[in-house]
Amino acid sequence: MKNVIRIISALCGVLLLAACAESPTEPEWEPTYAGQWGSEGSGNGEFQGPFGVAVAANGDVYVVDADNHRIQYFTPTGSFLGKWGTRGTGDGQFDNPGG
């Protein structure tokens, strides 16, 4: 599970580096609002303290749901695919994950 967290953290770092690569005078890309999904809560597709986002090569979106102590993942259009994690310190458990 620690490897999954490291991979997600690395992907978030890559996204952050890409965002920081733009020049203050000539941005390499312009962010575009494409939509949103989810609401506050603890059900599938709901969030309590979303903290980090990563996009996989196939376009799936992974969201660190810190206060629900889990990772959720979605299709590129926002359809819920799955989740993993519960609160704790054992295998498959998180305590307010971040990254």
C-alpha atoms as a PDB file:
ATOM      1  CA  MET A   1       0.000   0.000   0.000  1.00  0.00           C
ATOM      2  CA  LYS A   2       2.937   2.323   0.691  1.00  0.00           C
ATOM      3  CA  ASN A   3       3.992   1.836  -2.949  1.00  0.00           C
ATOM      4  CA  VAL A   4       0.540   2.952  -4.118  1.00  0.00           C
ATOM      5  CA  ILE A   5       0.817   6.087  -1.997  1.00  0.00           C
ATOM      6  CA  ARG A   6       4.301   6.766  -3.401  1.00  0.00           C
ATOM      7  CA  ILE A   7       3.031   6.340  -6.974  1.00  0.00           C
ATOM      8  CA  ILE A   8       0.082   8.668  -6.359  1.00  0.00           C
ATOM      9  CA  SER A   9       2.393  11.205  -4.696  1.00  0.00           C
ATOM     10  CA  ALA A  10       4.789  10.997  -7.638  1.00  0.00           C
ATOM     11  CA  LEU A  11       1.964  11.534 -10.108  1.00  0.00           C
ATOM     12  CA  CYS A  12       0.756  14.564  -8.152  1.00  0.00           C
ATOM     13  CA  GLY A  13       4.337  15.873  -8.202  1.00  0.00           C
ATOM     14  CA  VAL A  14       4.497  15.466 -11.979  1.00  0.00           C
ATOM     15  CA  LEU A  15       1.225  17.376 -12.336  1.00  0.00           C
ATOM     16  CA  LEU A  16       2.556  20.097 -10.039  1.00  0.00           C
ATOM     17  CA  LEU A  17       5.795  20.358 -12.023  1.00  0.00           C
ATOM     18  CA  ALA A  18       3.830  20.646 -15.251  1.00  0.00           C
ATOM     19  CA  ALA A  19       1.765  23.450 -13.744  1.00  0.00           C
ATOM     20  CA  CYS A  20       4.899  25.256 -12.528  1.00  0.00           C
ATOM     21  CA  ALA A  21       6.624  24.975 -15.906  1.00  0.00           C
ATOM     22  CA  GLU A  22       4.613  27.801 -17.406  1.00  0.00           C
ATOM     23  CA  SER A  23       6.314  31.123 -18.012  1.00  0.00           C
ATOM     24  CA  PRO A  24       4.859  34.186 -16.255  1.00  0.00           C
ATOM     25  CA  THR A  25       4.636  35.998 -19.607  1.00  0.00           C
ATOM     26  CA  GLU A  26       3.754  33.174 -21.996  1.00  0.00           C
ATOM     27  CA  PRO A  27       1.950  30.203 -20.474  1.00  0.00           C
ATOM     28  CA  GLU A  28       2.575  26.890 -22.228  1.00  0.00           C
ATOM     29  CA  TRP A  29      -1.040  25.895 -21.610  1.00  0.00           C
ATOM     30  CA  GLU A  30      -4.213  27.487 -20.401  1.00  0.00           C
ATOM     31  CA  PRO A  31      -6.260  25.636 -17.786  1.00  0.00           C
ATOM     32  CA  THR A  32      -9.827  24.976 -18.863  1.00  0.00           C
ATOM     33  CA  TYR A  33     -12.750  24.286 -16.551  1.00  0.00           C
ATOM     34  CA  ALA A  34     -14.169  20.973 -17.747  1.00  0.00           C
ATOM     35  CA  GLY A  35     -16.696  20.276 -14.992  1.00  0.00           C
ATOM     36  CA  GLN A  36     -16.921  18.782 -11.552  1.00  0.00           C
ATOM     37  CA  TRP A  37     -18.361  15.822  -9.744  1.00  0.00           C
ATOM     38  CA  GLY A  38     -18.885  14.640  -6.217  1.00  0.00           C
ATOM     39  CA  SER A  39     -20.336  16.224  -3.131  1.00  0.00           C
ATOM     40  CA  GLU A  40     -19.608  16.335   0.580  1.00  0.00           C
ATOM     41  CA  GLY A  41     -20.068  13.026   2.367  1.00  0.00           C
ATOM     42  CA  SER A  42     -18.679   9.545   2.859  1.00  0.00           C
ATOM     43  CA  GLY A  43     -20.501   7.573   0.151  1.00  0.00           C
ATOM     44  CA  ASN A  44     -19.110   6.504  -3.197  1.00  0.00           C
ATOM     45  CA  GLY A  45     -18.091   9.604  -5.137  1.00  0.00           C
ATOM     46  CA  GLU A  46     -18.418  11.835  -2.071  1.00  0.00           C
ATOM     47  CA  PHE A  47     -15.503  13.570  -0.362  1.00  0.00           C
ATOM     48  CA  GLN A  48     -14.441  14.809   3.055  1.00  0.00           C
ATOM     49  CA  GLY A  49     -11.266  16.790   2.558  1.00  0.00           C
ATOM     50  CA  PRO A  50     -10.146  15.887  -0.961  1.00  0.00           C
ATOM     51  CA  PHE A  51      -6.417  16.521  -0.871  1.00  0.00           C
ATOM     52  CA  GLY A  52      -4.623  15.249  -3.939  1.00  0.00           C
ATOM     53  CA  VAL A  53      -5.511  14.378  -7.520  1.00  0.00           C
ATOM     54  CA  ALA A  54      -3.631  12.282 -10.051  1.00  0.00           C
ATOM     55  CA  VAL A  55      -4.474  11.208 -13.589  1.00  0.00           C
ATOM     56  CA  ALA A  56      -3.374   7.791 -14.865  1.00  0.00           C
ATOM     57  CA  ALA A  57      -2.101   7.195 -18.397  1.00  0.00           C
ATOM     58  CA  ASN A  58      -5.523   5.809 -19.381  1.00  0.00           C
ATOM     59  CA  GLY A  59      -7.230   8.991 -18.097  1.00  0.00           C
ATOM     60  CA  ASP A  60      -8.660   7.561 -14.859  1.00  0.00           C
ATOM     61  CA  VAL A  61      -8.692  10.141 -12.053  1.00  0.00           C
ATOM     62  CA  TYR A  62      -7.484   9.234  -8.546  1.00  0.00           C
ATOM     63  CA  VAL A  63      -8.505  11.422  -5.610  1.00  0.00           C
ATOM     64  CA  VAL A  64      -7.023  11.289  -2.108  1.00  0.00           C
ATOM     65  CA  ASP A  65     -10.073  11.595   0.172  1.00  0.00           C
ATOM     66  CA  ALA A  66      -8.152  12.481   3.333  1.00  0.00           C
ATOM     67  CA  ASP A  67     -10.861  12.764   5.968  1.00  0.00           C
ATOM     68  CA  ASN A  68     -12.559   9.574   4.738  1.00  0.00           C
ATOM     69  CA  HIS A  69      -9.138   7.832   4.915  1.00  0.00           C
ATOM     70  CA  ARG A  70      -9.307   6.408   1.391  1.00  0.00           C
ATOM     71  CA  ILE A  71      -8.442   6.788  -2.274  1.00  0.00           C
ATOM     72  CA  GLN A  72     -11.266   6.919  -4.814  1.00  0.00           C
ATOM     73  CA  TYR A  73     -10.931   6.583  -8.564  1.00  0.00           C
ATOM     74  CA  PHE A  74     -13.108   7.667 -11.461  1.00  0.00           C
ATOM     75  CA  THR A  75     -13.356   7.602 -15.227  1.00  0.00           C
ATOM     76  CA  PRO A  76     -12.244  10.779 -17.017  1.00  0.00           C
ATOM     77  CA  THR A  77     -15.907  11.857 -17.116  1.00  0.00           C
ATOM     78  CA  GLY A  78     -16.396  11.395 -13.361  1.00  0.00           C
ATOM     79  CA  SER A  79     -18.099   8.009 -13.130  1.00  0.00           C
ATOM     80  CA  PHE A  80     -17.147   6.262  -9.879  1.00  0.00           C
ATOM     81  CA  LEU A  81     -14.971   3.185 -10.451  1.00  0.00           C
ATOM     82  CA  GLY A  82     -13.847   2.157  -6.990  1.00  0.00           C
ATOM     83  CA  LYS A  83     -12.102   2.973  -3.725  1.00  0.00           C
ATOM     84  CA  TRP A  84      -9.698   1.499  -1.248  1.00  0.00           C
ATOM     85  CA  GLY A  85      -8.607   2.233   2.288  1.00  0.00           C
ATOM     86  CA  THR A  86     -10.088   2.566   5.755  1.00  0.00           C
ATOM     87  CA  ARG A  87      -8.902   4.419   8.843  1.00  0.00           C
ATOM     88  CA  GLY A  88      -6.008   2.789  10.632  1.00  0.00           C
ATOM     89  CA  THR A  89      -2.320   1.995  10.450  1.00  0.00           C
ATOM     90  CA  GLY A  90      -2.412  -1.560   9.107  1.00  0.00           C
ATOM     91  CA  ASP A  91      -2.222  -2.898   5.576  1.00  0.00           C
ATOM     92  CA  GLY A  92      -4.758  -1.154   3.351  1.00  0.00           C
ATOM     93  CA  GLN A  93      -5.454   1.521   5.953  1.00  0.00           C
ATOM     94  CA  PHE A  94      -4.747   5.249   6.028  1.00  0.00           C
ATOM     95  CA  ASP A  95      -4.737   7.988   8.631  1.00  0.00           C
ATOM     96  CA  ASN A  96      -5.604  11.188   6.770  1.00  0.00           C
ATOM     97  CA  PRO A  97      -3.633  10.400   3.593  1.00  0.00           C
ATOM     98  CA  GLY A  98      -2.223  13.271   1.568  1.00  0.00           C
ATOM     99  CA  GLY A  99      -0.318  13.876  -1.590  1.00  0.00           C
END
